């Protein structure tokens, strides 16, 4: 099994297309988030990541600066690939890159993912957001305190 994580910007059209397709599958089809909310126009300001297993994209996320912190959002693993540790690998990879900035890192997530995110180091809920019919939470990871 070959696992690879690639970071890219919006100018990489092949990776961007794969990321948007995966996000559509996870967020629009599975979670029923309106596609106009999911595709929010912030992709141009973000660094994106794809996790590939045997050359197939199964995981996606992006990060961007928001006020005084960094935010990870659009994080997801394809439904039939969950439970294999891919989410842990992808998120730890991104956090390791972002921790060098020493900025607080927040992640936007559904409530069901809190136990998983707590293991990684996201401990405090800083905001609750109603998003269509889904409750999303912003959780905080402080890279300085985590060391």
C-alpha atoms as a PDB file:
ATOM      1  CA  UNK A   1       0.000   0.000   0.000  1.00  0.00           C
ATOM      2  CA  UNK A   2       1.435   3.366  -1.065  1.00  0.00           C
ATOM      3  CA  UNK A   3       0.323   6.410   0.979  1.00  0.00           C
ATOM      4  CA  UNK A   4       1.262   9.922  -0.092  1.00  0.00           C
ATOM      5  CA  UNK A   5       0.223  13.401   1.068  1.00  0.00           C
ATOM      6  CA  UNK A   6       0.514  16.315  -1.336  1.00  0.00           C
ATOM      7  CA  UNK A   7       0.179  20.036  -0.546  1.00  0.00           C
ATOM      8  CA  UNK A   8      -0.882  22.354  -3.358  1.00  0.00           C
ATOM      9  CA  UNK A   9      -2.432  25.694  -4.229  1.00  0.00           C
ATOM     10  CA  UNK A  10      -5.401  26.529  -6.383  1.00  0.00           C
ATOM     11  CA  UNK A  11      -3.175  26.742  -9.462  1.00  0.00           C
ATOM     12  CA  UNK A  12      -2.674  22.949  -9.518  1.00  0.00           C
ATOM     13  CA  UNK A  13      -5.795  22.196 -11.540  1.00  0.00           C
ATOM     14  CA  UNK A  14      -5.549  18.381 -11.436  1.00  0.00           C
ATOM     15  CA  UNK A  15      -5.175  18.213  -7.657  1.00  0.00           C
ATOM     16  CA  UNK A  16      -7.741  20.965  -7.158  1.00  0.00           C
ATOM     17  CA  UNK A  17     -10.296  19.087  -9.259  1.00  0.00           C
ATOM     18  CA  UNK A  18      -9.671  15.913  -7.223  1.00  0.00           C
ATOM     19  CA  UNK A  19     -10.010  17.860  -3.941  1.00  0.00           C
ATOM     20  CA  UNK A  20     -13.245  19.547  -5.007  1.00  0.00           C
ATOM     21  CA  UNK A  21     -14.712  16.224  -6.156  1.00  0.00           C
ATOM     22  CA  UNK A  22     -13.830  14.623  -2.828  1.00  0.00           C
ATOM     23  CA  UNK A  23     -15.273  17.569  -0.888  1.00  0.00           C
ATOM     24  CA  UNK A  24     -18.473  17.380  -2.935  1.00  0.00           C
ATOM     25  CA  UNK A  25     -18.784  13.683  -2.093  1.00  0.00           C
ATOM     26  CA  UNK A  26     -18.112  14.161   1.643  1.00  0.00           C
ATOM     27  CA  UNK A  27     -19.775  17.492   2.378  1.00  0.00           C
ATOM     28  CA  UNK A  28     -22.520  17.932  -0.199  1.00  0.00           C
ATOM     29  CA  UNK A  29     -23.641  14.356  -0.815  1.00  0.00           C
ATOM     30  CA  UNK A  30     -22.937  12.746   2.573  1.00  0.00           C
ATOM     31  CA  UNK A  31     -23.406  15.617   5.044  1.00  0.00           C
ATOM     32  CA  UNK A  32     -26.008  17.412   2.891  1.00  0.00           C
ATOM     33  CA  UNK A  33     -24.288  20.808   3.095  1.00  0.00           C
ATOM     34  CA  UNK A  34     -25.502  23.138   0.386  1.00  0.00           C
ATOM     35  CA  UNK A  35     -22.939  23.252  -2.432  1.00  0.00           C
ATOM     36  CA  UNK A  36     -22.941  27.057  -2.395  1.00  0.00           C
ATOM     37  CA  UNK A  37     -21.841  26.992   1.260  1.00  0.00           C
ATOM     38  CA  UNK A  38     -19.311  24.234   0.684  1.00  0.00           C
ATOM     39  CA  UNK A  39     -17.644  26.011  -2.213  1.00  0.00           C
ATOM     40  CA  UNK A  40     -17.231  29.314  -0.395  1.00  0.00           C
ATOM     41  CA  UNK A  41     -14.731  31.163  -2.588  1.00  0.00           C
ATOM     42  CA  UNK A  42     -11.915  30.835  -0.039  1.00  0.00           C
ATOM     43  CA  UNK A  43      -9.959  28.168  -1.912  1.00  0.00           C
ATOM     44  CA  UNK A  44      -7.723  30.784  -3.528  1.00  0.00           C
ATOM     45  CA  UNK A  45      -6.530  31.900  -0.060  1.00  0.00           C
ATOM     46  CA  UNK A  46      -5.807  28.379   1.198  1.00  0.00           C
ATOM     47  CA  UNK A  47      -3.174  25.706   1.063  1.00  0.00           C
ATOM     48  CA  UNK A  48      -4.794  22.397   0.172  1.00  0.00           C
ATOM     49  CA  UNK A  49      -3.844  18.796   0.905  1.00  0.00           C
ATOM     50  CA  UNK A  50      -4.777  15.482  -0.617  1.00  0.00           C
ATOM     51  CA  UNK A  51      -4.015  12.100   0.898  1.00  0.00           C
ATOM     52  CA  UNK A  52      -3.576   9.385  -1.724  1.00  0.00           C
ATOM     53  CA  UNK A  53      -3.739   5.639  -1.134  1.00  0.00           C
ATOM     54  CA  UNK A  54      -2.384   3.674  -4.066  1.00  0.00           C
ATOM     55  CA  UNK A  55      -2.649   6.842  -6.178  1.00  0.00           C
ATOM     56  CA  UNK A  56      -6.369   7.348  -5.378  1.00  0.00           C
ATOM     57  CA  UNK A  57      -7.414  10.475  -3.412  1.00  0.00           C
ATOM     58  CA  UNK A  58      -9.156   9.460  -0.171  1.00  0.00           C
ATOM     59  CA  UNK A  59      -8.497  12.427   2.147  1.00  0.00           C
ATOM     60  CA  UNK A  60      -8.704  16.186   1.794  1.00  0.00           C
ATOM     61  CA  UNK A  61      -8.303  19.372   3.811  1.00  0.00           C
ATOM     62  CA  UNK A  62      -7.209  22.961   3.524  1.00  0.00           C
ATOM     63  CA  UNK A  63      -5.864  25.644   5.851  1.00  0.00           C
ATOM     64  CA  UNK A  64      -5.806  29.404   5.713  1.00  0.00           C
ATOM     65  CA  UNK A  65      -5.117  32.369   7.966  1.00  0.00           C
ATOM     66  CA  UNK A  66      -8.186  33.792   9.700  1.00  0.00           C
ATOM     67  CA  UNK A  67      -7.620  36.897  11.854  1.00  0.00           C
ATOM     68  CA  UNK A  68      -5.028  35.936  14.505  1.00  0.00           C
ATOM     69  CA  UNK A  69      -5.009  32.175  13.985  1.00  0.00           C
ATOM     70  CA  UNK A  70      -4.813  29.448  11.349  1.00  0.00           C
ATOM     71  CA  UNK A  71      -7.903  27.433  10.493  1.00  0.00           C
ATOM     72  CA  UNK A  72      -8.094  23.934   9.096  1.00  0.00           C
ATOM     73  CA  UNK A  73     -11.361  23.181   7.381  1.00  0.00           C
ATOM     74  CA  UNK A  74     -12.812  21.019   4.664  1.00  0.00           C
ATOM     75  CA  UNK A  75     -11.075  18.102   6.377  1.00  0.00           C
ATOM     76  CA  UNK A  76     -12.525  14.738   5.467  1.00  0.00           C
ATOM     77  CA  UNK A  77     -11.840  11.146   4.553  1.00  0.00           C
ATOM     78  CA  UNK A  78     -13.837   9.305   1.931  1.00  0.00           C
ATOM     79  CA  UNK A  79     -16.495   7.200   3.675  1.00  0.00           C
ATOM     80  CA  UNK A  80     -15.283   3.807   2.456  1.00  0.00           C
ATOM     81  CA  UNK A  81     -11.715   4.659   3.568  1.00  0.00           C
ATOM     82  CA  UNK A  82     -12.462   5.673   7.162  1.00  0.00           C
ATOM     83  CA  UNK A  83     -11.197   3.642  10.085  1.00  0.00           C
ATOM     84  CA  UNK A  84      -7.764   3.022   8.570  1.00  0.00           C
ATOM     85  CA  UNK A  85      -5.876   5.863  10.260  1.00  0.00           C
ATOM     86  CA  UNK A  86      -5.803   8.078   7.161  1.00  0.00           C
ATOM     87  CA  UNK A  87      -7.452  11.003   8.934  1.00  0.00           C
ATOM     88  CA  UNK A  88      -4.888  10.824  11.724  1.00  0.00           C
ATOM     89  CA  UNK A  89      -2.013  10.761   9.210  1.00  0.00           C
ATOM     90  CA  UNK A  90      -3.360  13.687   7.200  1.00  0.00           C
ATOM     91  CA  UNK A  91      -4.178  15.888  10.172  1.00  0.00           C
ATOM     92  CA  UNK A  92      -0.869  15.213  11.961  1.00  0.00           C
ATOM     93  CA  UNK A  93       0.994  16.027   8.745  1.00  0.00           C
ATOM     94  CA  UNK A  94      -0.795  19.374   8.377  1.00  0.00           C
ATOM     95  CA  UNK A  95      -0.412  20.251  12.077  1.00  0.00           C
ATOM     96  CA  UNK A  96       3.313  19.509  11.966  1.00  0.00           C
ATOM     97  CA  UNK A  97       3.676  21.969   9.095  1.00  0.00           C
ATOM     98  CA  UNK A  98       1.536  24.639  10.764  1.00  0.00           C
ATOM     99  CA  UNK A  99       3.080  24.287  14.239  1.00  0.00           C
ATOM    100  CA  UNK A 100       6.235  26.006  13.019  1.00  0.00           C
ATOM    101  CA  UNK A 101       4.243  29.256  12.813  1.00  0.00           C
ATOM    102  CA  UNK A 102       3.556  29.130  16.582  1.00  0.00           C
ATOM    103  CA  UNK A 103       0.065  30.492  15.820  1.00  0.00           C
ATOM    104  CA  UNK A 104      -3.019  28.965  17.388  1.00  0.00           C
ATOM    105  CA  UNK A 105      -4.622  26.426  15.082  1.00  0.00           C
ATOM    106  CA  UNK A 106      -8.370  25.887  14.933  1.00  0.00           C
ATOM    107  CA  UNK A 107     -10.296  23.215  13.097  1.00  0.00           C
ATOM    108  CA  UNK A 108     -13.901  23.278  11.914  1.00  0.00           C
ATOM    109  CA  UNK A 109     -15.544  19.935  12.647  1.00  0.00           C
ATOM    110  CA  UNK A 110     -18.751  18.044  13.362  1.00  0.00           C
ATOM    111  CA  UNK A 111     -19.454  17.080  16.982  1.00  0.00           C
ATOM    112  CA  UNK A 112     -18.989  13.358  16.262  1.00  0.00           C
ATOM    113  CA  UNK A 113     -15.315  13.945  15.485  1.00  0.00           C
ATOM    114  CA  UNK A 114     -14.460  15.518  18.880  1.00  0.00           C
ATOM    115  CA  UNK A 115     -13.015  12.317  20.446  1.00  0.00           C
ATOM    116  CA  UNK A 116     -10.734  11.856  17.418  1.00  0.00           C
ATOM    117  CA  UNK A 117      -9.667  15.514  17.483  1.00  0.00           C
ATOM    118  CA  UNK A 118      -9.041  15.415  21.260  1.00  0.00           C
ATOM    119  CA  UNK A 119      -6.508  12.605  20.725  1.00  0.00           C
ATOM    120  CA  UNK A 120      -4.642  14.780  18.238  1.00  0.00           C
ATOM    121  CA  UNK A 121      -4.608  17.766  20.622  1.00  0.00           C
ATOM    122  CA  UNK A 122      -7.656  19.871  19.781  1.00  0.00           C
ATOM    123  CA  UNK A 123      -9.055  20.375  23.273  1.00  0.00           C
ATOM    124  CA  UNK A 124     -11.134  23.536  23.622  1.00  0.00           C
ATOM    125  CA  UNK A 125     -14.331  24.387  21.753  1.00  0.00           C
ATOM    126  CA  UNK A 126     -14.026  28.069  20.840  1.00  0.00           C
ATOM    127  CA  UNK A 127     -17.188  28.489  18.775  1.00  0.00           C
ATOM    128  CA  UNK A 128     -20.355  26.653  17.778  1.00  0.00           C
ATOM    129  CA  UNK A 129     -21.725  27.391  14.321  1.00  0.00           C
ATOM    130  CA  UNK A 130     -25.072  26.470  12.788  1.00  0.00           C
ATOM    131  CA  UNK A 131     -24.369  25.504   9.193  1.00  0.00           C
ATOM    132  CA  UNK A 132     -27.485  24.477   7.282  1.00  0.00           C
ATOM    133  CA  UNK A 133     -28.906  21.633   9.431  1.00  0.00           C
ATOM    134  CA  UNK A 134     -25.481  20.700  10.830  1.00  0.00           C
ATOM    135  CA  UNK A 135     -23.807  21.949  13.981  1.00  0.00           C
ATOM    136  CA  UNK A 136     -20.140  22.676  13.377  1.00  0.00           C
ATOM    137  CA  UNK A 137     -17.604  23.427  16.084  1.00  0.00           C
ATOM    138  CA  UNK A 138     -14.304  25.246  16.060  1.00  0.00           C
ATOM    139  CA  UNK A 139     -11.760  23.512  18.266  1.00  0.00           C
ATOM    140  CA  UNK A 140      -8.395  24.914  19.339  1.00  0.00           C
ATOM    141  CA  UNK A 141      -4.913  23.421  19.152  1.00  0.00           C
ATOM    142  CA  UNK A 142      -2.105  25.499  20.630  1.00  0.00           C
ATOM    143  CA  UNK A 143       1.247  24.321  19.194  1.00  0.00           C
ATOM    144  CA  UNK A 144       3.253  26.083  21.920  1.00  0.00           C
ATOM    145  CA  UNK A 145       1.329  24.334  24.726  1.00  0.00           C
ATOM    146  CA  UNK A 146       1.405  20.991  22.877  1.00  0.00           C
ATOM    147  CA  UNK A 147       5.198  20.705  23.053  1.00  0.00           C
END
